[in-house]
C-alpha atoms as a PDB file:
ATOM      1  CA  MET A   1      -7.463 -35.503  33.045  1.00  0.00           C
ATOM      2  CA  ALA A   2      -4.433 -37.177  31.491  1.00  0.00           C
ATOM      3  CA  SER A   3      -1.670 -38.317  33.800  1.00  0.00           C
ATOM      4  CA  ALA A   4       0.608 -35.512  34.901  1.00  0.00           C
ATOM      5  CA  GLU A   5       4.348 -35.507  34.455  1.00  0.00           C
ATOM      6  CA  LYS A   6       6.379 -33.238  36.681  1.00  0.00           C
ATOM      7  CA  ARG A   7       8.764 -30.851  34.901  1.00  0.00           C
ATOM      8  CA  THR A   8      10.970 -27.995  36.033  1.00  0.00           C
ATOM      9  CA  PHE A   9      11.368 -24.811  33.988  1.00  0.00           C
ATOM     10  CA  SER A  10      13.231 -21.559  34.398  1.00  0.00           C
ATOM     11  CA  LEU A  11      11.170 -18.502  33.511  1.00  0.00           C
ATOM     12  CA  PRO A  12      11.981 -14.804  33.328  1.00  0.00           C
ATOM     13  CA  SER A  13      10.682 -12.754  36.250  1.00  0.00           C
ATOM     14  CA  GLU A  14       7.974 -11.086  34.135  1.00  0.00           C
ATOM     15  CA  HIS A  15       6.497 -14.519  33.350  1.00  0.00           C
ATOM     16  CA  THR A  16       6.590 -15.678  36.959  1.00  0.00           C
ATOM     17  CA  ALA A  17       4.987 -12.388  38.039  1.00  0.00           C
ATOM     18  CA  PHE A  18       2.234 -12.923  35.464  1.00  0.00           C
ATOM     19  CA  ILE A  19       1.605 -16.457  36.737  1.00  0.00           C
ATOM     20  CA  ASP A  20       1.540 -15.242  40.345  1.00  0.00           C
ATOM     21  CA  GLU A  21      -0.871 -12.445  39.398  1.00  0.00           C
ATOM     22  CA  LYS A  22      -3.264 -14.904  37.737  1.00  0.00           C
ATOM     23  CA  VAL A  23      -3.209 -17.194  40.775  1.00  0.00           C
ATOM     24  CA  SER A  24      -3.574 -14.386  43.337  1.00  0.00           C
ATOM     25  CA  SER A  25      -6.502 -12.910  41.377  1.00  0.00           C
ATOM     26  CA  GLY A  26      -8.344 -16.196  41.809  1.00  0.00           C
ATOM     27  CA  ALA A  27      -8.572 -16.809  38.064  1.00  0.00           C
ATOM     28  CA  TYR A  28      -6.489 -19.979  38.501  1.00  0.00           C
ATOM     29  CA  ALA A  29      -5.948 -22.254  41.489  1.00  0.00           C
ATOM     30  CA  SER A  30      -2.260 -22.848  40.792  1.00  0.00           C
ATOM     31  CA  GLY A  31       0.658 -21.921  38.597  1.00  0.00           C
ATOM     32  CA  SER A  32       0.286 -25.285  36.880  1.00  0.00           C
ATOM     33  CA  GLU A  33      -3.240 -24.336  35.809  1.00  0.00           C
ATOM     34  CA  VAL A  34      -1.928 -21.085  34.319  1.00  0.00           C
ATOM     35  CA  ILE A  35       0.731 -22.972  32.351  1.00  0.00           C
ATOM     36  CA  ARG A  36      -1.799 -25.573  31.151  1.00  0.00           C
ATOM     37  CA  ALA A  37      -4.154 -22.809  29.987  1.00  0.00           C
ATOM     38  CA  GLY A  38      -1.300 -21.125  28.141  1.00  0.00           C
ATOM     39  CA  LEU A  39      -0.313 -24.375  26.448  1.00  0.00           C
ATOM     40  CA  ARG A  40      -3.931 -25.042  25.431  1.00  0.00           C
ATOM     41  CA  ALA A  41      -4.116 -21.547  23.912  1.00  0.00           C
ATOM     42  CA  LEU A  42      -0.858 -22.173  22.044  1.00  0.00           C
ATOM     43  CA  GLN A  43      -2.180 -25.502  20.729  1.00  0.00           C
ATOM     44  CA  GLU A  44      -5.406 -23.822  19.571  1.00  0.00           C
ATOM     45  CA  ARG A  45      -3.469 -21.034  17.844  1.00  0.00           C
ATOM     46  CA  ASP A  46      -1.153 -23.507  16.115  1.00  0.00           C
ATOM     47  CA  ALA A  47      -4.153 -25.580  14.978  1.00  0.00           C
ATOM     48  CA  ALA A  48      -5.853 -22.440  13.622  1.00  0.00           C
ATOM     49  CA  ILE A  49      -2.717 -21.493  11.670  1.00  0.00           C
ATOM     50  CA  GLU A  50      -2.424 -25.016  10.253  1.00  0.00           C
ATOM     51  CA  ARG A  51      -6.117 -24.932   9.269  1.00  0.00           C
ATOM     52  CA  TRP A  52      -5.680 -21.515   7.592  1.00  0.00           C
ATOM     53  CA  LEU A  53      -2.628 -22.714   5.674  1.00  0.00           C
ATOM     54  CA  ARG A  54      -4.366 -25.891   4.551  1.00  0.00           C
ATOM     55  CA  GLU A  55      -7.801 -24.395   3.755  1.00  0.00           C
ATOM     56  CA  GLU A  56      -6.911 -20.956   2.399  1.00  0.00           C
ATOM     57  CA  VAL A  57      -3.235 -20.500   1.579  1.00  0.00           C
ATOM     58  CA  VAL A  58      -2.636 -23.783  -0.257  1.00  0.00           C
ATOM     59  CA  PRO A  59      -5.748 -23.452  -2.474  1.00  0.00           C
ATOM     60  CA  ALA A  60      -4.868 -19.819  -3.281  1.00  0.00           C
ATOM     61  CA  TYR A  61      -1.291 -20.798  -4.121  1.00  0.00           C
ATOM     62  CA  ASP A  62      -2.476 -23.685  -6.286  1.00  0.00           C
ATOM     63  CA  ALA A  63      -4.959 -21.421  -8.107  1.00  0.00           C
ATOM     64  CA  ILE A  64      -2.285 -18.820  -8.887  1.00  0.00           C
ATOM     65  CA  LYS A  65       0.174 -21.491  -9.938  1.00  0.00           C
ATOM     66  CA  THR A  66      -2.440 -22.937 -12.304  1.00  0.00           C
ATOM     67  CA  ASP A  67      -3.456 -19.501 -13.650  1.00  0.00           C
ATOM     68  CA  PRO A  68      -0.768 -16.854 -12.988  1.00  0.00           C
ATOM     69  CA  SER A  69      -3.010 -14.113 -14.413  1.00  0.00           C
ATOM     70  CA  ARG A  70      -5.032 -14.341 -11.164  1.00  0.00           C
ATOM     71  CA  GLY A  71      -2.053 -13.004  -9.201  1.00  0.00           C
ATOM     72  CA  ILE A  72      -1.015  -9.429  -8.515  1.00  0.00           C
ATOM     73  CA  GLU A  73       2.450  -8.280  -9.525  1.00  0.00           C
ATOM     74  CA  ALA A  74       4.756  -7.572  -6.591  1.00  0.00           C
ATOM     75  CA  GLN A  75       5.445  -4.012  -7.783  1.00  0.00           C
ATOM     76  CA  LYS A  76       1.703  -3.226  -7.705  1.00  0.00           C
ATOM     77  CA  VAL A  77       1.432  -4.602  -4.169  1.00  0.00           C
ATOM     78  CA  PHE A  78       4.375  -2.473  -3.006  1.00  0.00           C
ATOM     79  CA  ASP A  79       3.019   0.627  -4.772  1.00  0.00           C
ATOM     80  CA  ASP A  80      -0.395   0.127  -3.130  1.00  0.00           C
ATOM     81  CA  LEU A  81       1.211  -0.373   0.289  1.00  0.00           C
ATOM     82  CA  ARG A  82       3.277   2.790  -0.092  1.00  0.00           C
ATOM     83  CA  ALA A  83       0.201   4.772  -1.138  1.00  0.00           C
ATOM     84  CA  HIS A  84      -1.814   3.374   1.769  1.00  0.00           C
ATOM     85  CA  HIS A  85       0.986   4.192   4.218  1.00  0.00           C
ATOM     86  CA  ALA A  86       1.375   7.723   2.839  1.00  0.00           C
ATOM     87  CA  ALA A  87      -2.379   8.299   3.158  1.00  0.00           C
ATOM     88  CA  ARG A  88      -2.345   7.131   6.791  1.00  0.00           C
ATOM     89  CA  LEU A  89       0.610   9.378   7.571  1.00  0.00           C
ATOM     90  CA  ALA A  90      -1.205  12.323   5.988  1.00  0.00           C
ATOM     91  CA  ASP A  91      -4.346  11.567   8.039  1.00  0.00           C
ATOM     92  CA  ASN A  92      -2.345  11.488  11.276  1.00  0.00           C
ATOM     93  CA  SER A  93      -0.571  14.801  10.734  1.00  0.00           C
END
């Protein structure tokens, strides 16, 4: 494990209760372990977003910029969203 550096943070009571719950359940040995696990999850999520942007969003943007006919007009997207939303509302009533 990398060397540890001691820090002090102020957290809202709901976060401290969550940490305490995780420790008392036995899932983690200490509050520090809970925080480390949360930071690892945040790092993984950020890396996944960066990967998605780099591997999917940028190529799609470049393709549409090169050939605008591949894109969908904003009005069509909004019309489709409204129709989809209206259909879901009708199904739920």
